[in-house]
Amino acid sequence: MSTKRKRMFSKELKHMMFGFGDVREPLHESIDLLEELVFEFIQEMTLKAAQVSNKRGKFQTEDLVFLVRKDPKKYYRVIELLRMNEELKKAKKAFDETNVEEEESL
């Protein structure tokens, strides 16, 4: 493993591990190992996406989608998360517009 660095995902990984059948309080070593793997995966995917985007000169979400295109599980999950993100943006915008209209009518 690499040098010590600040843990960024420990809390979330702990909850995910429990959700997938681990004990409520998993070993710190298990969380650290999983976090290291997640960090390496994110780092590797980001580097590859940056290399792909270099041809266009601009990093885009589609670069990550391109990288997982041959892994159906990852591909469809990415597509699903992107759709959900768009829905959340639209809902937030509609909510914000409704609040502005209500404030203006007061």
Protein backbone atom coordinates (compact mmCIF):
# COMPACT_ATOMS: atom_id res chain seq x y z
CA MET A 1 0.00 0.00 0.00
CA SER A 2 1.05 3.59 -0.48
CA THR A 3 1.88 6.22 2.11
CA LYS A 4 -0.67 7.41 4.64
CA ARG A 5 -3.11 10.00 3.38
CA LYS A 6 -6.28 11.56 4.66
CA ARG A 7 -9.20 9.17 4.63
CA MET A 8 -12.01 10.60 2.54
CA PHE A 9 -14.54 7.79 2.18
CA SER A 10 -14.26 5.88 5.48
CA LYS A 11 -17.70 6.78 6.81
CA GLU A 12 -19.48 5.99 3.53
CA LEU A 13 -17.54 2.76 3.00
CA LYS A 14 -18.34 1.63 6.53
CA HIS A 15 -22.06 2.06 5.81
CA MET A 16 -21.75 0.37 2.42
CA MET A 17 -19.90 -2.57 3.95
CA PHE A 18 -22.67 -2.99 6.52
CA GLY A 19 -25.29 -2.71 3.78
CA PHE A 20 -23.59 -5.51 1.88
CA GLY A 21 -23.54 -7.83 4.88
CA ASP A 22 -20.51 -6.90 6.97
CA VAL A 23 -20.76 -6.19 10.69
CA ARG A 24 -21.96 -2.76 11.84
CA GLU A 25 -18.42 -1.82 12.97
CA PRO A 26 -15.98 -3.40 10.49
CA LEU A 27 -12.28 -3.58 11.25
CA HIS A 28 -10.40 -0.36 10.54
CA GLU A 29 -7.96 -2.40 8.46
CA SER A 30 -10.83 -3.57 6.24
CA ILE A 31 -12.09 -0.03 5.75
CA ASP A 32 -8.55 1.19 5.03
CA LEU A 33 -7.97 -1.56 2.46
CA LEU A 34 -11.27 -0.89 0.72
CA GLU A 35 -10.63 2.85 0.74
CA GLU A 36 -7.20 2.31 -0.79
CA LEU A 37 -8.75 0.17 -3.56
CA VAL A 38 -11.47 2.75 -4.22
CA PHE A 39 -8.92 5.57 -4.29
CA GLU A 40 -6.68 3.65 -6.72
CA PHE A 41 -9.67 2.88 -8.97
CA ILE A 42 -10.76 6.53 -9.04
CA GLN A 43 -7.20 7.66 -9.67
CA GLU A 44 -6.72 5.15 -12.51
CA MET A 45 -10.05 5.98 -14.17
CA THR A 46 -9.41 9.71 -13.91
CA LEU A 47 -5.97 9.33 -15.48
CA LYS A 48 -7.36 7.20 -18.32
CA ALA A 49 -10.24 9.63 -18.89
CA ALA A 50 -7.78 12.52 -18.99
CA GLN A 51 -5.74 10.67 -21.61
CA VAL A 52 -8.85 10.03 -23.70
CA SER A 53 -9.95 13.65 -23.36
CA ASN A 54 -6.52 14.94 -24.40
CA LYS A 55 -7.47 14.18 -27.99
CA ARG A 56 -10.33 16.66 -27.70
CA GLY A 57 -8.66 18.95 -25.22
CA LYS A 58 -11.55 18.93 -22.79
CA PHE A 59 -12.40 16.50 -19.98
CA GLN A 60 -16.08 15.47 -20.11
CA THR A 61 -18.36 12.97 -18.43
CA GLU A 62 -18.53 11.07 -21.69
CA ASP A 63 -14.85 10.20 -21.29
CA LEU A 64 -15.66 8.16 -18.19
CA VAL A 65 -18.66 6.56 -19.91
CA PHE A 66 -16.35 5.62 -22.80
CA LEU A 67 -13.95 3.87 -20.43
CA VAL A 68 -16.62 1.62 -18.88
CA ARG A 69 -18.48 0.91 -22.13
CA LYS A 70 -17.29 -2.73 -22.29
CA ASP A 71 -18.39 -3.51 -18.73
CA PRO A 72 -22.21 -3.65 -18.89
CA LYS A 73 -22.69 -3.48 -15.11
CA LYS A 74 -20.58 -0.35 -14.73
CA TYR A 75 -21.86 1.19 -17.96
CA TYR A 76 -25.54 0.92 -17.10
CA ARG A 77 -24.91 2.07 -13.53
CA VAL A 78 -23.08 5.16 -14.81
CA ILE A 79 -25.93 5.89 -17.23
CA GLU A 80 -28.48 5.45 -14.43
CA LEU A 81 -26.56 7.78 -12.10
CA LEU A 82 -26.22 10.42 -14.82
CA ARG A 83 -29.98 10.29 -15.49
CA MET A 84 -30.73 10.57 -11.78
CA ASN A 85 -28.36 13.53 -11.55
CA GLU A 86 -30.22 15.29 -14.36
CA GLU A 87 -33.56 14.59 -12.68
CA LEU A 88 -32.26 16.03 -9.41
CA LYS A 89 -31.01 19.14 -11.23
CA LYS A 90 -34.42 19.64 -12.86
CA ALA A 91 -36.27 19.09 -9.59
CA LYS A 92 -33.99 21.53 -7.76
CA LYS A 93 -34.44 24.12 -10.49
CA ALA A 94 -38.23 23.72 -10.40
CA PHE A 95 -38.21 23.97 -6.61
CA ASP A 96 -36.02 27.10 -6.71
CA GLU A 97 -38.30 28.70 -9.33
CA THR A 98 -41.36 27.93 -7.19
CA ASN A 99 -39.73 29.53 -4.16
CA VAL A 100 -38.84 32.66 -6.14
CA GLU A 101 -42.44 32.97 -7.38
CA GLU A 102 -43.79 32.57 -3.84
CA GLU A 103 -41.40 35.20 -2.48
CA GLU A 104 -42.35 37.63 -5.26
CA SER A 105 -46.06 37.22 -4.49
CA LEU A 106 -45.58 38.18 -0.84
